[in-house]
C-alpha atoms as a PDB file:
ATOM      1  CA  UNK A   1      38.411  -5.146 -24.832  1.00  0.00           C
ATOM      2  CA  UNK A   2      36.807  -1.803 -25.630  1.00  0.00           C
ATOM      3  CA  UNK A   3      33.317  -0.760 -24.750  1.00  0.00           C
ATOM      4  CA  UNK A   4      31.134   1.111 -27.168  1.00  0.00           C
ATOM      5  CA  UNK A   5      29.140   3.949 -25.637  1.00  0.00           C
ATOM      6  CA  UNK A   6      26.349   5.322 -27.783  1.00  0.00           C
ATOM      7  CA  UNK A   7      24.654   8.528 -26.670  1.00  0.00           C
ATOM      8  CA  UNK A   8      20.979   8.357 -27.502  1.00  0.00           C
ATOM      9  CA  UNK A   9      18.859  11.454 -28.053  1.00  0.00           C
ATOM     10  CA  UNK A  10      16.223  12.408 -25.515  1.00  0.00           C
ATOM     11  CA  UNK A  11      12.781  11.944 -27.057  1.00  0.00           C
ATOM     12  CA  UNK A  12       9.627  13.833 -26.110  1.00  0.00           C
ATOM     13  CA  UNK A  13       8.344  10.665 -24.417  1.00  0.00           C
ATOM     14  CA  UNK A  14      11.547  10.510 -22.350  1.00  0.00           C
ATOM     15  CA  UNK A  15      11.119  14.085 -21.138  1.00  0.00           C
ATOM     16  CA  UNK A  16       7.930  13.254 -19.216  1.00  0.00           C
ATOM     17  CA  UNK A  17       9.497  10.899 -16.619  1.00  0.00           C
ATOM     18  CA  UNK A  18      12.579  13.137 -16.431  1.00  0.00           C
ATOM     19  CA  UNK A  19      10.422  16.147 -15.574  1.00  0.00           C
ATOM     20  CA  UNK A  20       8.347  14.185 -13.054  1.00  0.00           C
ATOM     21  CA  UNK A  21      11.295  12.599 -11.244  1.00  0.00           C
ATOM     22  CA  UNK A  22      13.061  15.958 -11.092  1.00  0.00           C
ATOM     23  CA  UNK A  23       9.975  17.744  -9.732  1.00  0.00           C
ATOM     24  CA  UNK A  24       8.657  15.070  -7.377  1.00  0.00           C
ATOM     25  CA  UNK A  25      11.776  13.309  -6.111  1.00  0.00           C
ATOM     26  CA  UNK A  26      14.468  15.908  -6.765  1.00  0.00           C
ATOM     27  CA  UNK A  27      16.569  13.660  -9.007  1.00  0.00           C
ATOM     28  CA  UNK A  28      19.678  15.229 -10.530  1.00  0.00           C
ATOM     29  CA  UNK A  29      21.229  14.431 -13.914  1.00  0.00           C
ATOM     30  CA  UNK A  30      23.506  11.682 -12.627  1.00  0.00           C
ATOM     31  CA  UNK A  31      20.673   9.939 -10.769  1.00  0.00           C
ATOM     32  CA  UNK A  32      18.485  10.038 -13.886  1.00  0.00           C
ATOM     33  CA  UNK A  33      21.229   8.545 -16.060  1.00  0.00           C
ATOM     34  CA  UNK A  34      21.724   5.749 -13.519  1.00  0.00           C
ATOM     35  CA  UNK A  35      17.959   5.151 -13.212  1.00  0.00           C
ATOM     36  CA  UNK A  36      17.548   4.908 -16.983  1.00  0.00           C
ATOM     37  CA  UNK A  37      20.910   3.337 -17.873  1.00  0.00           C
ATOM     38  CA  UNK A  38      19.384   1.340 -20.731  1.00  0.00           C
ATOM     39  CA  UNK A  39      18.536   4.581 -22.559  1.00  0.00           C
ATOM     40  CA  UNK A  40      22.199   5.478 -23.175  1.00  0.00           C
ATOM     41  CA  UNK A  41      21.831   9.122 -22.157  1.00  0.00           C
ATOM     42  CA  UNK A  42      24.758  11.426 -21.504  1.00  0.00           C
ATOM     43  CA  UNK A  43      24.874  13.189 -18.115  1.00  0.00           C
ATOM     44  CA  UNK A  44      25.616  16.546 -19.732  1.00  0.00           C
ATOM     45  CA  UNK A  45      22.563  16.398 -22.016  1.00  0.00           C
ATOM     46  CA  UNK A  46      20.289  15.570 -19.073  1.00  0.00           C
ATOM     47  CA  UNK A  47      21.932  18.354 -17.060  1.00  0.00           C
ATOM     48  CA  UNK A  48      21.194  20.869 -19.838  1.00  0.00           C
ATOM     49  CA  UNK A  49      17.577  19.689 -19.977  1.00  0.00           C
ATOM     50  CA  UNK A  50      17.222  20.112 -16.199  1.00  0.00           C
ATOM     51  CA  UNK A  51      18.746  23.607 -16.412  1.00  0.00           C
ATOM     52  CA  UNK A  52      16.164  24.492 -19.051  1.00  0.00           C
ATOM     53  CA  UNK A  53      13.440  23.089 -16.803  1.00  0.00           C
ATOM     54  CA  UNK A  54      14.633  25.180 -13.844  1.00  0.00           C
ATOM     55  CA  UNK A  55      14.739  28.410 -15.873  1.00  0.00           C
ATOM     56  CA  UNK A  56      11.632  28.091 -18.046  1.00  0.00           C
ATOM     57  CA  UNK A  57       9.564  25.565 -16.116  1.00  0.00           C
ATOM     58  CA  UNK A  58       9.145  23.515 -19.293  1.00  0.00           C
ATOM     59  CA  UNK A  59      11.144  20.984 -21.279  1.00  0.00           C
ATOM     60  CA  UNK A  60       9.479  21.910 -24.562  1.00  0.00           C
ATOM     61  CA  UNK A  61      11.078  23.990 -27.274  1.00  0.00           C
ATOM     62  CA  UNK A  62       9.889  27.576 -27.501  1.00  0.00           C
ATOM     63  CA  UNK A  63       7.303  28.229 -30.186  1.00  0.00           C
ATOM     64  CA  UNK A  64       8.821  29.735 -33.308  1.00  0.00           C
ATOM     65  CA  UNK A  65      12.239  28.251 -32.567  1.00  0.00           C
ATOM     66  CA  UNK A  66      12.610  27.168 -36.185  1.00  0.00           C
ATOM     67  CA  UNK A  67      12.489  23.427 -35.525  1.00  0.00           C
END
C-alpha cells in the first residue's frame, strides 16, 4: 500500500494563523505542520515562511515583486 502525499500551497488566509502562532506561542515549522495536518503543508515551505517572517517581520510579498 502506498500513501499519496500532496503538498498544498500556503494561502494568504493560512498565513494569518501561522504568523500568530509563531509570534504568540513560539511554534516552529514542524509544530505548525502537525497542528494543521489536514492542510497538507510541507515542513520546508513553512520553515521558509517563518524565516521570511523573522527577517522582514511580515509574511507578505514585497511590493513591486512582479507577482
